[in-house]
Amino acid sequence: MVNPISGNLRQNSYGNIFREGVLPNGRVLYNVIDSEGNKAGKLSVPIEQVDTFETSYNQILDSAPKIRNFVKANSSEEAITKRRNLGRNIVASCGVAGAAIPLIILRKSTSVTKKILGLVAGIVTGLSAGFAASLGITSPPGSVDFALASRNLSKIDIQPVLDEKA
């Protein structure tokens, strides 16, 4: 029996993958259908990696339209410049806050070394936090799920099936 791993067959611009069965070598066979409904090939995955493969595939199918819609809505030069400036402002603000906090905390300290180390640590921490916040705010929705799923797929032993008998 052929089962779409993404639940019901969804017509989408990414195609579909169907589980066909288990090969004699213990690998699970999938049939790949392109976006127009034509057979695009077959692939196999080790049976112990099937859950990771199917979960990652579904995450990509769920997050790709969100990313595409975000890009369509925010691809003008003005929107790109606005997001770039927002990211820079967030990183700079967090860097300044990271520098200010240790200076305020250590203002009564007599040790210059402690003040310098605190200032450097605060700046690094502030810039790191600002970069993470900027990335989270300016990235398309679903991009983290897409990246994690892509990373999971890259670790799986996915092989094309070239034998027409499979």
N, C-alpha and C. Protein backbone atom coordinates (compact mmCIF):
# COMPACT_ATOMS: atom_id res chain seq x y z
N MET A 1 0.84 -1.18 0.00
CA MET A 1 0.00 0.00 0.00
C MET A 1 0.89 1.25 0.00
N VAL A 2 0.51 2.20 -0.78
CA VAL A 2 1.28 3.43 -0.88
C VAL A 2 0.67 4.47 0.05
N ASN A 3 1.48 4.99 0.97
CA ASN A 3 1.01 5.97 1.94
C ASN A 3 1.80 7.25 1.81
N PRO A 4 1.12 8.38 1.64
CA PRO A 4 1.87 9.64 1.66
C PRO A 4 2.37 9.89 3.07
N ILE A 5 3.63 10.23 3.22
CA ILE A 5 4.14 10.44 4.57
C ILE A 5 3.72 11.79 5.12
N SER A 6 3.18 12.64 4.29
CA SER A 6 2.73 13.94 4.78
C SER A 6 1.23 13.93 5.03
N GLY A 7 0.67 12.78 5.41
CA GLY A 7 -0.77 12.70 5.66
C GLY A 7 -1.50 12.56 4.34
N ASN A 8 -2.57 13.28 4.18
CA ASN A 8 -3.32 13.23 2.93
C ASN A 8 -2.50 13.85 1.82
N LEU A 9 -2.78 13.41 0.61
CA LEU A 9 -2.07 13.97 -0.54
C LEU A 9 -2.41 15.44 -0.65
N ARG A 10 -1.40 16.25 -0.55
CA ARG A 10 -1.59 17.70 -0.65
C ARG A 10 -0.98 18.15 -1.96
N GLN A 11 -1.77 18.82 -2.76
CA GLN A 11 -1.22 19.38 -3.98
C GLN A 11 -0.37 20.58 -3.56
N ASN A 12 0.89 20.52 -3.84
CA ASN A 12 1.76 21.64 -3.47
C ASN A 12 2.86 21.77 -4.51
N SER A 13 3.58 22.85 -4.41
CA SER A 13 4.62 23.12 -5.38
C SER A 13 5.93 22.42 -5.06
N TYR A 14 5.91 21.53 -4.05
CA TYR A 14 7.13 20.85 -3.64
C TYR A 14 7.12 19.37 -3.98
N GLY A 15 5.98 18.82 -4.40
CA GLY A 15 5.88 17.40 -4.68
C GLY A 15 5.52 16.63 -3.43
N ASN A 16 5.53 15.32 -3.53
CA ASN A 16 5.18 14.45 -2.41
C ASN A 16 6.09 13.23 -2.40
N ILE A 17 6.13 12.59 -1.24
CA ILE A 17 6.88 11.36 -1.09
C ILE A 17 5.93 10.34 -0.47
N PHE A 18 5.90 9.12 -1.04
CA PHE A 18 5.02 8.07 -0.56
C PHE A 18 5.85 6.88 -0.10
N ARG A 19 5.47 6.32 1.02
CA ARG A 19 6.12 5.11 1.49
C ARG A 19 5.53 3.92 0.73
N GLU A 20 6.39 3.13 0.10
CA GLU A 20 5.90 1.99 -0.67
C GLU A 20 6.08 0.68 0.06
N GLY A 21 7.08 0.53 0.88
CA GLY A 21 7.30 -0.72 1.58
C GLY A 21 8.74 -0.87 2.01
N VAL A 22 9.08 -2.11 2.37
CA VAL A 22 10.42 -2.39 2.85
C VAL A 22 11.14 -3.25 1.81
N LEU A 23 12.36 -2.87 1.50
CA LEU A 23 13.18 -3.62 0.55
C LEU A 23 13.79 -4.84 1.26
N PRO A 24 14.22 -5.84 0.51
CA PRO A 24 14.85 -7.02 1.12
C PRO A 24 16.08 -6.70 1.98
N ASN A 25 16.76 -5.61 1.69
CA ASN A 25 17.95 -5.25 2.46
C ASN A 25 17.61 -4.48 3.75
N GLY A 26 16.33 -4.36 4.07
CA GLY A 26 15.92 -3.72 5.32
C GLY A 26 15.75 -2.21 5.25
N ARG A 27 15.77 -1.67 4.07
CA ARG A 27 15.58 -0.22 3.90
C ARG A 27 14.14 0.03 3.46
N VAL A 28 13.60 1.16 3.86
CA VAL A 28 12.24 1.52 3.50
C VAL A 28 12.28 2.26 2.16
N LEU A 29 11.41 1.86 1.26
CA LEU A 29 11.35 2.42 -0.09
C LEU A 29 10.31 3.51 -0.15
N TYR A 30 10.68 4.64 -0.77
CA TYR A 30 9.77 5.77 -0.96
C TYR A 30 9.70 6.10 -2.44
N ASN A 31 8.51 6.47 -2.88
CA ASN A 31 8.29 6.92 -4.25
C ASN A 31 8.20 8.44 -4.22
N VAL A 32 8.95 9.10 -5.05
CA VAL A 32 8.98 10.56 -5.09
C VAL A 32 8.14 11.04 -6.27
N ILE A 33 7.19 11.93 -5.98
CA ILE A 33 6.31 12.51 -6.99
C ILE A 33 6.62 14.00 -7.09
N ASP A 34 6.81 14.51 -8.32
CA ASP A 34 7.12 15.93 -8.47
C ASP A 34 5.86 16.77 -8.28
N SER A 35 6.02 18.07 -8.38
CA SER A 35 4.91 19.00 -8.12
C SER A 35 3.78 18.89 -9.13
N GLU A 36 4.06 18.29 -10.27
CA GLU A 36 3.02 18.13 -11.30
C GLU A 36 2.34 16.77 -11.22
N GLY A 37 2.72 15.94 -10.25
CA GLY A 37 2.11 14.64 -10.08
C GLY A 37 2.79 13.52 -10.84
N ASN A 38 3.93 13.77 -11.45
CA ASN A 38 4.67 12.75 -12.20
C ASN A 38 5.69 12.07 -11.29
N LYS A 39 5.97 10.79 -11.58
CA LYS A 39 6.98 10.07 -10.81
C LYS A 39 8.34 10.70 -11.07
N ALA A 40 9.06 10.99 -9.99
CA ALA A 40 10.36 11.63 -10.11
C ALA A 40 11.49 10.69 -9.73
N GLY A 41 11.17 9.54 -9.16
CA GLY A 41 12.20 8.59 -8.76
C GLY A 41 11.83 7.90 -7.48
N LYS A 42 12.78 7.12 -6.98
CA LYS A 42 12.58 6.39 -5.73
C LYS A 42 13.82 6.58 -4.87
N LEU A 43 13.61 6.48 -3.57
CA LEU A 43 14.72 6.56 -2.64
C LEU A 43 14.47 5.60 -1.51
N SER A 44 15.52 5.29 -0.78
CA SER A 44 15.39 4.39 0.36
C SER A 44 16.11 4.98 1.57
N VAL A 45 15.58 4.60 2.73
CA VAL A 45 16.08 5.09 4.01
C VAL A 45 16.21 3.89 4.94
N PRO A 46 17.26 3.82 5.77
CA PRO A 46 17.34 2.73 6.74
C PRO A 46 16.12 2.74 7.66
N ILE A 47 15.64 1.57 7.99
CA ILE A 47 14.39 1.46 8.76
C ILE A 47 14.48 2.18 10.11
N GLU A 48 15.68 2.23 10.71
CA GLU A 48 15.82 2.90 12.01
C GLU A 48 15.81 4.43 11.88
N GLN A 49 15.91 4.95 10.67
CA GLN A 49 15.90 6.40 10.46
C GLN A 49 14.60 6.90 9.83
N VAL A 50 13.62 6.02 9.68
CA VAL A 50 12.36 6.37 9.01
C VAL A 50 11.62 7.47 9.76
N ASP A 51 11.51 7.36 11.07
CA ASP A 51 10.77 8.37 11.83
C ASP A 51 11.40 9.76 11.69
N THR A 52 12.72 9.81 11.77
CA THR A 52 13.41 11.09 11.61
C THR A 52 13.21 11.64 10.21
N PHE A 53 13.29 10.78 9.21
CA PHE A 53 13.10 11.20 7.82
C PHE A 53 11.69 11.76 7.61
N GLU A 54 10.69 11.04 8.05
CA GLU A 54 9.30 11.47 7.83
C GLU A 54 8.96 12.72 8.62
N THR A 55 9.44 12.81 9.84
CA THR A 55 9.20 14.02 10.65
C THR A 55 9.87 15.23 10.01
N SER A 56 11.11 15.06 9.58
CA SER A 56 11.85 16.18 8.96
C SER A 56 11.19 16.60 7.65
N TYR A 57 10.77 15.63 6.87
CA TYR A 57 10.08 15.93 5.61
C TYR A 57 8.81 16.74 5.87
N ASN A 58 8.03 16.32 6.85
CA ASN A 58 6.80 17.05 7.18
C ASN A 58 7.08 18.45 7.70
N GLN A 59 8.16 18.60 8.49
CA GLN A 59 8.52 19.93 8.97
C GLN A 59 8.89 20.85 7.82
N ILE A 60 9.59 20.32 6.84
CA ILE A 60 9.96 21.13 5.68
C ILE A 60 8.72 21.51 4.89
N LEU A 61 7.81 20.56 4.70
CA LEU A 61 6.57 20.88 3.97
C LEU A 61 5.73 21.91 4.70
N ASP A 62 5.74 21.88 6.02
CA ASP A 62 4.95 22.84 6.79
C ASP A 62 5.59 24.22 6.84
N SER A 63 6.91 24.29 6.89
CA SER A 63 7.57 25.58 7.04
C SER A 63 7.88 26.26 5.71
N ALA A 64 8.03 25.52 4.64
CA ALA A 64 8.39 26.12 3.35
C ALA A 64 7.36 27.15 2.87
N PRO A 65 6.05 26.89 2.95
CA PRO A 65 5.11 27.92 2.52
C PRO A 65 5.16 29.19 3.37
N LYS A 66 5.43 29.05 4.65
CA LYS A 66 5.55 30.22 5.53
C LYS A 66 6.74 31.07 5.10
N ILE A 67 7.84 30.42 4.81
CA ILE A 67 9.03 31.15 4.37
C ILE A 67 8.78 31.81 3.02
N ARG A 68 8.16 31.07 2.11
CA ARG A 68 7.85 31.63 0.78
C ARG A 68 6.94 32.86 0.90
N ASN A 69 5.90 32.79 1.72
CA ASN A 69 5.00 33.92 1.89
C ASN A 69 5.71 35.12 2.52
N PHE A 70 6.59 34.86 3.49
CA PHE A 70 7.35 35.93 4.11
C PHE A 70 8.25 36.61 3.08
N VAL A 71 8.91 35.81 2.25
CA VAL A 71 9.81 36.37 1.25
C VAL A 71 9.03 37.18 0.22
N LYS A 72 7.88 36.68 -0.20
CA LYS A 72 7.06 37.43 -1.15
C LYS A 72 6.63 38.78 -0.58
N ALA A 73 6.23 38.76 0.69
CA ALA A 73 5.73 39.99 1.32
C ALA A 73 6.85 40.96 1.69
N ASN A 74 8.06 40.46 1.87
CA ASN A 74 9.15 41.31 2.38
C ASN A 74 10.37 41.33 1.47
N SER A 75 10.16 41.21 0.19
CA SER A 75 11.32 41.18 -0.71
C SER A 75 11.60 42.51 -1.40
N SER A 76 10.82 43.53 -1.08
CA SER A 76 11.11 44.83 -1.69
C SER A 76 12.40 45.39 -1.09
N GLU A 77 13.02 46.28 -1.82
CA GLU A 77 14.28 46.88 -1.36
C GLU A 77 14.06 47.63 -0.05
N GLU A 78 12.92 48.27 0.08
CA GLU A 78 12.60 49.02 1.30
C GLU A 78 12.47 48.08 2.50
N ALA A 79 11.80 46.95 2.32
CA ALA A 79 11.61 45.99 3.42
C ALA A 79 12.94 45.36 3.82
N ILE A 80 13.78 45.08 2.85
CA ILE A 80 15.09 44.50 3.14
C ILE A 80 15.94 45.49 3.93
N THR A 81 15.94 46.73 3.51
CA THR A 81 16.70 47.78 4.21
C THR A 81 16.16 47.97 5.63
N LYS A 82 14.85 47.94 5.78
CA LYS A 82 14.23 48.12 7.09
C LYS A 82 14.64 46.98 8.04
N ARG A 83 14.60 45.73 7.56
CA ARG A 83 15.00 44.59 8.39
C ARG A 83 16.50 44.64 8.71
N ARG A 84 17.31 45.04 7.74
CA ARG A 84 18.76 45.14 7.97
C ARG A 84 19.05 46.20 9.04
N ASN A 85 18.40 47.34 8.95
CA ASN A 85 18.60 48.39 9.95
C ASN A 85 18.07 47.97 11.32
N LEU A 86 16.93 47.28 11.35
CA LEU A 86 16.39 46.79 12.61
C LEU A 86 17.37 45.84 13.26
N GLY A 87 17.95 44.94 12.48
CA GLY A 87 18.93 44.00 13.01
C GLY A 87 20.15 44.71 13.57
N ARG A 88 20.65 45.69 12.85
CA ARG A 88 21.82 46.45 13.33
C ARG A 88 21.50 47.19 14.62
N ASN A 89 20.32 47.80 14.68
CA ASN A 89 19.93 48.54 15.88
C ASN A 89 19.79 47.62 17.09
N ILE A 90 19.24 46.43 16.88
CA ILE A 90 19.10 45.47 17.98
C ILE A 90 20.47 45.04 18.48
N VAL A 91 21.38 44.71 17.58
CA VAL A 91 22.72 44.28 17.98
C VAL A 91 23.45 45.41 18.70
N ALA A 92 23.36 46.62 18.18
CA ALA A 92 24.03 47.75 18.82
C ALA A 92 23.45 48.05 20.19
N SER A 93 22.13 48.02 20.30
CA SER A 93 21.48 48.29 21.59
C SER A 93 21.88 47.26 22.63
N CYS A 94 21.89 46.01 22.24
CA CYS A 94 22.28 44.96 23.18
C CYS A 94 23.75 45.06 23.55
N GLY A 95 24.59 45.45 22.60
CA GLY A 95 26.01 45.65 22.90
C GLY A 95 26.23 46.78 23.90
N VAL A 96 25.50 47.89 23.72
CA VAL A 96 25.60 49.02 24.66
C VAL A 96 25.08 48.60 26.04
N ALA A 97 23.95 47.89 26.06
CA ALA A 97 23.41 47.43 27.34
C ALA A 97 24.38 46.44 28.00
N GLY A 98 24.99 45.58 27.19
CA GLY A 98 25.96 44.63 27.74
C GLY A 98 27.17 45.32 28.32
N ALA A 99 27.56 46.45 27.76
CA ALA A 99 28.69 47.21 28.30
C ALA A 99 28.28 48.00 29.53
N ALA A 100 27.07 48.51 29.52
CA ALA A 100 26.62 49.37 30.62
C ALA A 100 26.37 48.60 31.91
N ILE A 101 25.83 47.40 31.79
CA ILE A 101 25.47 46.64 32.99
C ILE A 101 26.70 46.34 33.86
N PRO A 102 27.80 45.81 33.32
CA PRO A 102 28.95 45.58 34.19
C PRO A 102 29.57 46.88 34.72
N LEU A 103 29.51 47.95 33.92
CA LEU A 103 30.04 49.23 34.41
C LEU A 103 29.24 49.72 35.61
N ILE A 104 27.93 49.56 35.56
CA ILE A 104 27.08 49.98 36.69
C ILE A 104 27.34 49.10 37.90
N ILE A 105 27.41 47.79 37.67
CA ILE A 105 27.61 46.86 38.78
C ILE A 105 28.99 47.05 39.41
N LEU A 106 29.99 47.31 38.60
CA LEU A 106 31.38 47.41 39.11
C LEU A 106 31.83 48.86 39.32
N ARG A 107 30.91 49.80 39.38
CA ARG A 107 31.31 51.21 39.47
C ARG A 107 32.09 51.54 40.75
N LYS A 108 31.84 50.79 41.83
CA LYS A 108 32.53 51.08 43.09
C LYS A 108 33.77 50.20 43.29
N SER A 109 34.03 49.35 42.33
CA SER A 109 35.21 48.48 42.44
C SER A 109 36.47 49.30 42.17
N THR A 110 37.51 49.00 42.92
CA THR A 110 38.77 49.71 42.72
C THR A 110 39.70 48.98 41.76
N SER A 111 39.36 47.78 41.40
CA SER A 111 40.20 46.98 40.51
C SER A 111 39.91 47.34 39.04
N VAL A 112 40.92 47.89 38.39
CA VAL A 112 40.80 48.24 36.98
C VAL A 112 40.67 46.98 36.13
N THR A 113 41.39 45.95 36.49
CA THR A 113 41.34 44.68 35.76
C THR A 113 39.93 44.11 35.79
N LYS A 114 39.31 44.13 36.95
CA LYS A 114 37.94 43.61 37.08
C LYS A 114 36.98 44.43 36.21
N LYS A 115 37.15 45.73 36.18
CA LYS A 115 36.28 46.59 35.36
C LYS A 115 36.47 46.29 33.87
N ILE A 116 37.71 46.14 33.44
CA ILE A 116 38.00 45.88 32.02
C ILE A 116 37.44 44.50 31.62
N LEU A 117 37.72 43.48 32.43
CA LEU A 117 37.21 42.15 32.13
C LEU A 117 35.68 42.13 32.13
N GLY A 118 35.08 42.82 33.09
CA GLY A 118 33.62 42.90 33.14
C GLY A 118 33.05 43.61 31.92
N LEU A 119 33.72 44.67 31.50
CA LEU A 119 33.28 45.43 30.33
C LEU A 119 33.38 44.57 29.07
N VAL A 120 34.51 43.89 28.89
CA VAL A 120 34.69 43.03 27.71
C VAL A 120 33.67 41.90 27.71
N ALA A 121 33.49 41.25 28.86
CA ALA A 121 32.52 40.15 28.95
C ALA A 121 31.11 40.67 28.69
N GLY A 122 30.80 41.84 29.19
CA GLY A 122 29.47 42.43 28.96
C GLY A 122 29.23 42.75 27.50
N ILE A 123 30.23 43.31 26.85
CA ILE A 123 30.10 43.64 25.42
C ILE A 123 29.90 42.37 24.60
N VAL A 124 30.73 41.36 24.85
CA VAL A 124 30.61 40.11 24.10
C VAL A 124 29.24 39.47 24.34
N THR A 125 28.83 39.43 25.59
CA THR A 125 27.52 38.85 25.91
C THR A 125 26.40 39.66 25.28
N GLY A 126 26.48 40.97 25.36
CA GLY A 126 25.45 41.82 24.77
C GLY A 126 25.37 41.68 23.26
N LEU A 127 26.51 41.66 22.60
CA LEU A 127 26.52 41.49 21.14
C LEU A 127 25.98 40.12 20.74
N SER A 128 26.36 39.09 21.49
CA SER A 128 25.86 37.75 21.19
C SER A 128 24.35 37.68 21.37
N ALA A 129 23.87 38.23 22.46
CA ALA A 129 22.42 38.24 22.70
C ALA A 129 21.71 39.08 21.64
N GLY A 130 22.32 40.19 21.25
CA GLY A 130 21.73 41.04 20.22
C GLY A 130 21.68 40.34 18.87
N PHE A 131 22.74 39.62 18.54
CA PHE A 131 22.74 38.87 17.28
C PHE A 131 21.65 37.81 17.28
N ALA A 132 21.52 37.08 18.39
CA ALA A 132 20.49 36.04 18.48
C ALA A 132 19.09 36.65 18.41
N ALA A 133 18.88 37.75 19.11
CA ALA A 133 17.57 38.42 19.08
C ALA A 133 17.28 38.96 17.69
N SER A 134 18.27 39.55 17.06
CA SER A 134 18.10 40.08 15.71
C SER A 134 17.74 38.98 14.72
N LEU A 135 18.44 37.88 14.83
CA LEU A 135 18.17 36.75 13.95
C LEU A 135 16.75 36.23 14.17
N GLY A 136 16.34 36.14 15.41
CA GLY A 136 14.99 35.66 15.71
C GLY A 136 13.91 36.60 15.24
N ILE A 137 14.15 37.89 15.31
CA ILE A 137 13.13 38.87 14.95
C ILE A 137 13.05 39.08 13.44
N THR A 138 14.19 39.06 12.76
CA THR A 138 14.19 39.39 11.33
C THR A 138 14.10 38.18 10.41
N SER A 139 14.19 36.97 10.96
CA SER A 139 14.11 35.75 10.13
C SER A 139 12.66 35.42 9.81
N PRO A 140 12.44 34.77 8.69
CA PRO A 140 11.07 34.36 8.34
C PRO A 140 10.53 33.35 9.34
N PRO A 141 9.22 33.35 9.56
CA PRO A 141 8.64 32.34 10.44
C PRO A 141 8.83 30.96 9.81
N GLY A 142 9.17 30.00 10.62
CA GLY A 142 9.38 28.65 10.13
C GLY A 142 10.80 28.37 9.69
N SER A 143 11.67 29.38 9.68
CA SER A 143 13.03 29.15 9.18
C SER A 143 13.85 28.29 10.14
N VAL A 144 13.58 28.38 11.43
CA VAL A 144 14.30 27.54 12.39
C VAL A 144 13.91 26.08 12.20
N ASP A 145 12.59 25.82 12.07
CA ASP A 145 12.13 24.45 11.83
C ASP A 145 12.70 23.90 10.53
N PHE A 146 12.73 24.73 9.50
CA PHE A 146 13.27 24.33 8.21
C PHE A 146 14.75 23.97 8.34
N ALA A 147 15.50 24.80 9.03
CA ALA A 147 16.94 24.56 9.19
C ALA A 147 17.21 23.29 9.99
N LEU A 148 16.45 23.09 11.08
CA LEU A 148 16.63 21.89 11.89
C LEU A 148 16.28 20.63 11.10
N ALA A 149 15.19 20.70 10.35
CA ALA A 149 14.78 19.55 9.53
C ALA A 149 15.82 19.26 8.46
N SER A 150 16.35 20.30 7.85
CA SER A 150 17.39 20.11 6.82
C SER A 150 18.63 19.48 7.42
N ARG A 151 18.99 19.91 8.62
CA ARG A 151 20.16 19.33 9.28
C ARG A 151 19.91 17.86 9.60
N ASN A 152 18.70 17.53 10.08
CA ASN A 152 18.37 16.13 10.36
C ASN A 152 18.42 15.29 9.09
N LEU A 153 17.90 15.82 7.99
CA LEU A 153 17.93 15.08 6.73
C LEU A 153 19.35 14.86 6.23
N SER A 154 20.22 15.81 6.48
CA SER A 154 21.60 15.66 6.01
C SER A 154 22.35 14.56 6.76
N LYS A 155 21.86 14.18 7.93
CA LYS A 155 22.51 13.13 8.72
C LYS A 155 21.98 11.74 8.38
N ILE A 156 20.91 11.67 7.59
CA ILE A 156 20.27 10.39 7.27
C ILE A 156 20.91 9.79 6.03
N ASP A 157 21.00 8.47 6.01
CA ASP A 157 21.55 7.74 4.87
C ASP A 157 20.45 7.55 3.82
N ILE A 158 20.19 8.58 3.04
CA ILE A 158 19.18 8.53 1.98
C ILE A 158 19.88 8.13 0.70
N GLN A 159 19.38 7.08 0.06
CA GLN A 159 20.01 6.61 -1.17
C GLN A 159 18.98 6.52 -2.29
N PRO A 160 19.35 6.91 -3.49
CA PRO A 160 18.44 6.74 -4.62
C PRO A 160 18.32 5.25 -4.96
N VAL A 161 17.13 4.86 -5.44
CA VAL A 161 16.91 3.48 -5.85
C VAL A 161 16.83 3.51 -7.36
N LEU A 162 17.82 2.89 -8.01
CA LEU A 162 17.90 2.92 -9.45
C LEU A 162 17.31 1.67 -10.10
N ASP A 163 17.11 0.62 -9.33
CA ASP A 163 16.60 -0.64 -9.85
C ASP A 163 15.11 -0.48 -10.15
N GLU A 164 14.72 -0.75 -11.35
CA GLU A 164 13.31 -0.61 -11.78
C GLU A 164 12.41 -1.66 -11.14
N LYS A 165 12.98 -2.74 -10.60
CA LYS A 165 12.18 -3.79 -9.98
C LYS A 165 11.70 -3.39 -8.60
N ALA A 166 12.34 -2.44 -7.98
CA ALA A 166 12.01 -2.03 -6.60
C ALA A 166 10.75 -1.21 -6.57
